[in-house]
Amino acid sequence: MSLIQTISDVNNTFLSRRELTCNFTGLAGKLKKLEAIDMINKEFSLGSKIIIPIRLKNHSGKSITTGTFFVYEDETLAKKHVDPTIFARLEKSKAKKAEAEKASEEAIETKSEEPDAEKPAEEVIETKSEEPDAEKPAEEKSE
């Protein structure tokens, strides 16, 4: 049994789009729009088509999320038909995802550089331990 159950799949020729309504089982409260787009793309093999998540609704008392998606062949046609705020929100979430990936890559790079940073700290400790030894003989001579 797959996570996606198709409720309706309508080909709207008047608006030149495909309208999908699906249930995502076991993902209530955990599903994000970009993840839903990826899952729909893999399930229906849509490839380079434009998938727009219109609505994700969680059902109270159930672990089901119902999603409504519009699939367009052309992005310019999609921008004419769909509210621009939906595109702005999608771009914003894509930018956040890209920033998170960039930050994780930088964290991996800094982890690989950290052992080099620890070596000078060890050298500093060794030099400090040598300095008190040099002072002790001077104190012994003064006594």
Protein backbone atom coordinates (compact mmCIF):
# COMPACT_ATOMS: atom_id res chain seq x y z
CA MET A 1 0.00 0.00 0.00
CA SER A 2 1.46 3.32 -1.04
CA LEU A 3 1.34 6.55 0.91
CA ILE A 4 -0.60 8.30 -1.87
CA GLN A 5 -4.20 7.40 -2.66
CA THR A 6 -5.75 9.17 -5.65
CA ILE A 7 -9.22 10.57 -4.97
CA SER A 8 -9.76 12.36 -8.25
CA ASP A 9 -7.76 12.93 -11.41
CA VAL A 10 -9.47 15.37 -13.75
CA ASN A 11 -8.12 16.65 -17.05
CA ASN A 12 -9.48 20.20 -17.33
CA THR A 13 -9.17 20.97 -21.04
CA PHE A 14 -10.85 24.36 -20.69
CA LEU A 15 -8.01 25.65 -18.44
CA SER A 16 -5.36 23.36 -19.98
CA ARG A 17 -4.42 21.72 -16.69
CA ARG A 18 -4.68 18.47 -14.79
CA GLU A 19 -6.30 18.64 -11.35
CA LEU A 20 -5.23 15.99 -8.83
CA THR A 21 -6.74 15.36 -5.42
CA CYS A 22 -4.88 12.81 -3.31
CA ASN A 23 -4.83 11.47 0.25
CA PHE A 24 -1.47 11.10 1.98
CA THR A 25 -1.84 8.46 4.69
CA GLY A 26 0.23 8.67 7.86
CA LEU A 27 1.64 12.11 7.11
CA ALA A 28 -0.79 14.39 8.94
CA GLY A 29 1.03 17.44 10.27
CA LYS A 30 4.37 16.30 8.84
CA LEU A 31 3.92 16.90 5.12
CA LYS A 32 5.30 20.08 3.57
CA LYS A 33 4.31 21.44 0.17
CA LEU A 34 7.69 20.85 -1.47
CA GLU A 35 7.77 17.27 -0.19
CA ALA A 36 4.24 16.74 -1.50
CA ILE A 37 5.28 18.04 -4.93
CA ASP A 38 8.19 15.58 -5.02
CA MET A 39 5.92 12.69 -4.00
CA ILE A 40 3.30 13.57 -6.65
CA ASN A 41 6.01 13.92 -9.29
CA LYS A 42 7.37 10.46 -8.50
CA GLU A 43 3.94 8.80 -8.19
CA PHE A 44 2.53 10.10 -11.49
CA SER A 45 5.84 10.45 -13.43
CA LEU A 46 5.16 14.05 -14.39
CA GLY A 47 8.76 14.96 -15.22
CA SER A 48 9.23 18.57 -16.27
CA LYS A 49 5.61 19.66 -15.81
CA ILE A 50 4.75 22.46 -13.38
CA ILE A 51 3.09 21.11 -10.21
CA ILE A 52 1.37 23.66 -7.98
CA PRO A 53 0.09 22.64 -4.54
CA ILE A 54 -3.17 24.49 -4.08
CA ARG A 55 -4.32 23.05 -0.76
CA LEU A 56 -3.11 20.63 1.91
CA LYS A 57 -5.77 19.83 4.50
CA ASN A 58 -5.30 17.76 7.66
CA HIS A 59 -8.28 15.82 9.00
CA SER A 60 -8.86 15.95 12.75
CA GLY A 61 -8.73 12.57 14.43
CA LYS A 62 -7.16 10.90 11.39
CA SER A 63 -3.62 10.67 10.11
CA ILE A 64 -4.67 11.67 6.59
CA THR A 65 -3.74 14.78 4.66
CA THR A 66 -5.73 15.65 1.55
CA GLY A 67 -3.91 17.60 -1.13
CA THR A 68 -5.15 19.38 -4.23
CA PHE A 69 -2.61 19.97 -7.01
CA PHE A 70 -2.73 21.62 -10.41
CA VAL A 71 -0.39 20.29 -13.09
CA TYR A 72 0.43 22.62 -15.98
CA GLU A 73 2.44 22.02 -19.13
CA ASP A 74 3.55 25.65 -19.40
CA GLU A 75 4.70 27.96 -16.58
CA THR A 76 3.41 31.15 -18.24
CA LEU A 77 -0.09 29.68 -18.44
CA ALA A 78 0.13 28.64 -14.79
CA LYS A 79 1.12 32.16 -13.76
CA LYS A 80 -1.90 33.56 -15.60
CA HIS A 81 -4.37 31.21 -13.92
CA VAL A 82 -3.02 30.89 -10.37
CA ASP A 83 -2.78 33.62 -7.72
CA PRO A 84 0.74 35.15 -7.63
CA THR A 85 0.95 34.77 -3.83
CA ILE A 86 1.04 30.98 -4.25
CA PHE A 87 4.10 31.32 -6.48
CA ALA A 88 5.70 33.76 -4.04
CA ARG A 89 5.22 31.31 -1.16
CA LEU A 90 6.66 28.45 -3.21
CA GLU A 91 9.71 30.51 -4.15
CA LYS A 92 10.16 31.53 -0.52
CA SER A 93 10.10 27.92 0.68
CA LYS A 94 12.49 26.88 -2.11
CA ALA A 95 14.88 29.65 -1.06
CA LYS A 96 14.74 28.49 2.58
CA LYS A 97 15.47 24.94 1.49
CA ALA A 98 18.44 26.10 -0.60
CA GLU A 99 19.79 28.15 2.34
CA ALA A 100 19.47 25.16 4.66
CA GLU A 101 21.37 22.96 2.20
CA LYS A 102 24.07 25.62 1.84
CA ALA A 103 24.38 25.95 5.62
CA SER A 104 24.69 22.18 6.03
CA GLU A 105 27.43 22.08 3.37
CA GLU A 106 29.29 24.86 5.18
CA ALA A 107 28.94 23.00 8.47
CA ILE A 108 30.45 19.89 6.89
CA GLU A 109 33.34 21.96 5.53
CA THR A 110 34.00 23.57 8.91
CA LYS A 111 33.96 20.16 10.60
CA SER A 112 36.67 18.99 8.23
CA GLU A 113 38.72 22.12 9.07
CA GLU A 114 38.26 21.86 12.88
CA PRO A 115 41.01 19.26 13.50
CA ASP A 116 43.48 21.72 11.96
CA ALA A 117 42.19 24.39 14.32
CA GLU A 118 42.76 22.13 17.34
CA LYS A 119 46.44 21.56 16.59
CA PRO A 120 47.52 25.15 17.30
CA ALA A 121 45.65 24.99 20.61
CA GLU A 122 47.75 21.97 21.62
CA GLU A 123 50.94 23.82 20.66
CA VAL A 124 49.88 26.76 22.83
CA ILE A 125 49.37 24.43 25.79
CA GLU A 126 52.83 22.93 25.28
CA THR A 127 54.46 26.35 25.17
CA LYS A 128 52.71 27.36 28.37
CA SER A 129 53.96 24.25 30.13
CA GLU A 130 57.53 25.09 29.07
CA GLU A 131 57.39 28.66 30.36
CA PRO A 132 56.72 27.78 34.04
CA ASP A 133 59.68 25.38 33.95
CA ALA A 134 61.91 28.26 32.86
CA GLU A 135 60.64 30.39 35.74
CA LYS A 136 61.20 27.76 38.43
CA PRO A 137 64.99 27.67 38.16
CA ALA A 138 65.06 31.46 38.41
CA GLU A 139 63.09 31.27 41.66
CA GLU A 140 65.37 28.58 43.05
CA LYS A 141 68.46 30.74 42.40
CA SER A 142 66.99 33.66 44.31
CA GLU A 143 66.45 31.56 47.44
